[in-house]
Amino acid sequence: MDAIKIGRPPVPRDILFFGVLMILSGMGDLSIIIAYPQYSLPFFGTKPEGVAGGLIKIVHPLIHFAAGFGAIYARKWAYPFFMAYSVYGLINATVNLMVLPPPHRIRMVF
């Protein structure tokens, strides 16, 4: 008689790839924050500095890491978590384009 396997099915490769991309994106964000600590990340049409700006900057790599590890370990919360973050990103980018002064050439390409 065959042994019964109990547990989760293997994570699909595209989801693993997505998780790895998210972790790499988080590492890229973190390296930019370390290389340019004076940079103020645009946040809904503002560029907060000081403690508030630092907290806003550090949250983005943490979100990427969480979504990446959630995808790699096939957590059910990872997909809605990242979709909510994507909606935030679209709204934030739209507000920043409307409110902040130019140049926006790079963002207009996307």
Protein backbone atom coordinates (compact mmCIF):
# COMPACT_ATOMS: atom_id res chain seq x y z
CA MET A 1 0.00 0.00 0.00
CA ASP A 2 1.27 3.47 -0.86
CA ALA A 3 2.09 5.82 1.94
CA ILE A 4 -0.35 8.66 2.36
CA LYS A 5 1.32 12.03 2.08
CA ILE A 6 -0.08 14.57 4.46
CA GLY A 7 0.81 18.20 4.03
CA ARG A 8 0.72 20.99 1.57
CA PRO A 9 1.23 20.57 -2.14
CA PRO A 10 4.44 22.10 -3.51
CA VAL A 11 4.39 25.82 -4.23
CA PRO A 12 4.06 26.52 -7.99
CA ARG A 13 7.18 27.87 -9.64
CA ASP A 14 5.58 31.13 -10.75
CA ILE A 15 4.61 31.90 -7.15
CA LEU A 16 8.15 31.04 -6.02
CA PHE A 17 9.50 33.36 -8.73
CA PHE A 18 7.15 36.12 -7.53
CA GLY A 19 8.35 35.61 -3.95
CA VAL A 20 12.00 35.78 -4.96
CA LEU A 21 11.33 38.94 -7.00
CA MET A 22 9.65 40.55 -4.00
CA ILE A 23 12.59 39.73 -1.75
CA LEU A 24 15.03 41.09 -4.34
CA SER A 25 12.90 44.23 -4.62
CA GLY A 26 13.01 44.64 -0.85
CA MET A 27 16.79 44.26 -0.91
CA GLY A 28 17.00 46.88 -3.66
CA ASP A 29 14.81 49.27 -1.66
CA LEU A 30 16.94 48.73 1.41
CA SER A 31 20.18 49.34 -0.48
CA ILE A 32 18.80 52.61 -1.92
CA ILE A 33 17.73 53.74 1.56
CA ILE A 34 21.19 52.98 2.93
CA ALA A 35 22.99 54.63 -0.02
CA TYR A 36 20.82 57.78 0.01
CA PRO A 37 19.54 58.36 3.56
CA GLN A 38 18.73 62.00 2.80
CA TYR A 39 16.20 61.07 0.07
CA SER A 40 12.59 61.80 1.02
CA LEU A 41 10.18 59.24 -0.40
CA PRO A 42 7.06 60.87 -1.89
CA PHE A 43 3.98 59.94 0.13
CA PHE A 44 0.58 61.13 -1.15
CA GLY A 45 1.93 64.39 -2.52
CA THR A 46 4.28 65.14 0.38
CA LYS A 47 7.92 64.38 1.06
CA PRO A 48 8.11 63.78 4.82
CA GLU A 49 11.50 64.07 6.48
CA GLY A 50 12.83 63.15 9.89
CA VAL A 51 11.35 60.27 11.88
CA ALA A 52 8.12 60.14 9.87
CA GLY A 53 10.03 60.02 6.58
CA GLY A 54 12.34 57.33 7.93
CA LEU A 55 9.39 55.19 9.02
CA ILE A 56 7.71 55.57 5.65
CA LYS A 57 10.93 54.60 3.85
CA ILE A 58 11.60 51.51 5.98
CA VAL A 59 8.03 50.18 5.64
CA HIS A 60 8.39 49.57 1.90
CA PRO A 61 11.22 47.01 2.08
CA LEU A 62 9.46 45.32 5.00
CA ILE A 63 6.29 44.98 2.91
CA HIS A 64 8.30 43.53 0.02
CA PHE A 65 10.02 41.03 2.34
CA ALA A 66 6.72 40.01 3.95
CA ALA A 67 4.97 39.52 0.59
CA GLY A 68 7.97 37.60 -0.77
CA PHE A 69 8.26 35.21 2.14
CA GLY A 70 4.47 34.84 2.23
CA ALA A 71 4.50 33.82 -1.44
CA ILE A 72 7.42 31.41 -1.02
CA TYR A 73 5.76 29.70 1.94
CA ALA A 74 2.32 29.77 0.20
CA ARG A 75 0.55 31.80 2.85
CA LYS A 76 -3.02 32.70 1.95
CA TRP A 77 -2.61 36.29 3.14
CA ALA A 78 0.32 37.08 0.79
CA TYR A 79 -1.69 37.69 -2.38
CA PRO A 80 -4.35 40.05 -0.92
CA PHE A 81 -1.59 41.75 1.08
CA PHE A 82 0.41 42.53 -2.04
CA MET A 83 -2.67 43.49 -4.05
CA ALA A 84 -3.58 46.04 -1.36
CA TYR A 85 -0.01 47.35 -1.49
CA SER A 86 -0.25 47.62 -5.29
CA VAL A 87 -3.47 49.64 -5.04
CA TYR A 88 -1.75 51.92 -2.51
CA GLY A 89 1.17 52.30 -4.96
CA LEU A 90 -1.11 53.26 -7.86
CA ILE A 91 -3.04 55.81 -5.79
CA ASN A 92 0.15 57.22 -4.28
CA ALA A 93 1.82 57.57 -7.70
CA THR A 94 -1.27 59.28 -9.15
CA VAL A 95 -1.45 61.78 -6.29
CA ASN A 96 2.29 62.44 -6.51
CA LEU A 97 2.04 63.10 -10.27
CA MET A 98 -0.81 65.57 -9.70
CA VAL A 99 0.69 67.39 -6.71
CA LEU A 100 4.48 67.29 -6.78
CA PRO A 101 6.47 69.49 -9.18
CA PRO A 102 8.23 67.99 -12.24
CA PRO A 103 10.38 66.26 -13.44
CA HIS A 104 8.24 63.17 -13.88
CA ARG A 105 9.74 61.90 -17.13
CA ILE A 106 10.74 58.51 -15.72
CA ARG A 107 7.39 57.81 -14.12
CA MET A 108 5.45 58.99 -17.17
CA VAL A 109 7.10 56.23 -19.23
CA PHE A 110 5.44 53.56 -17.10
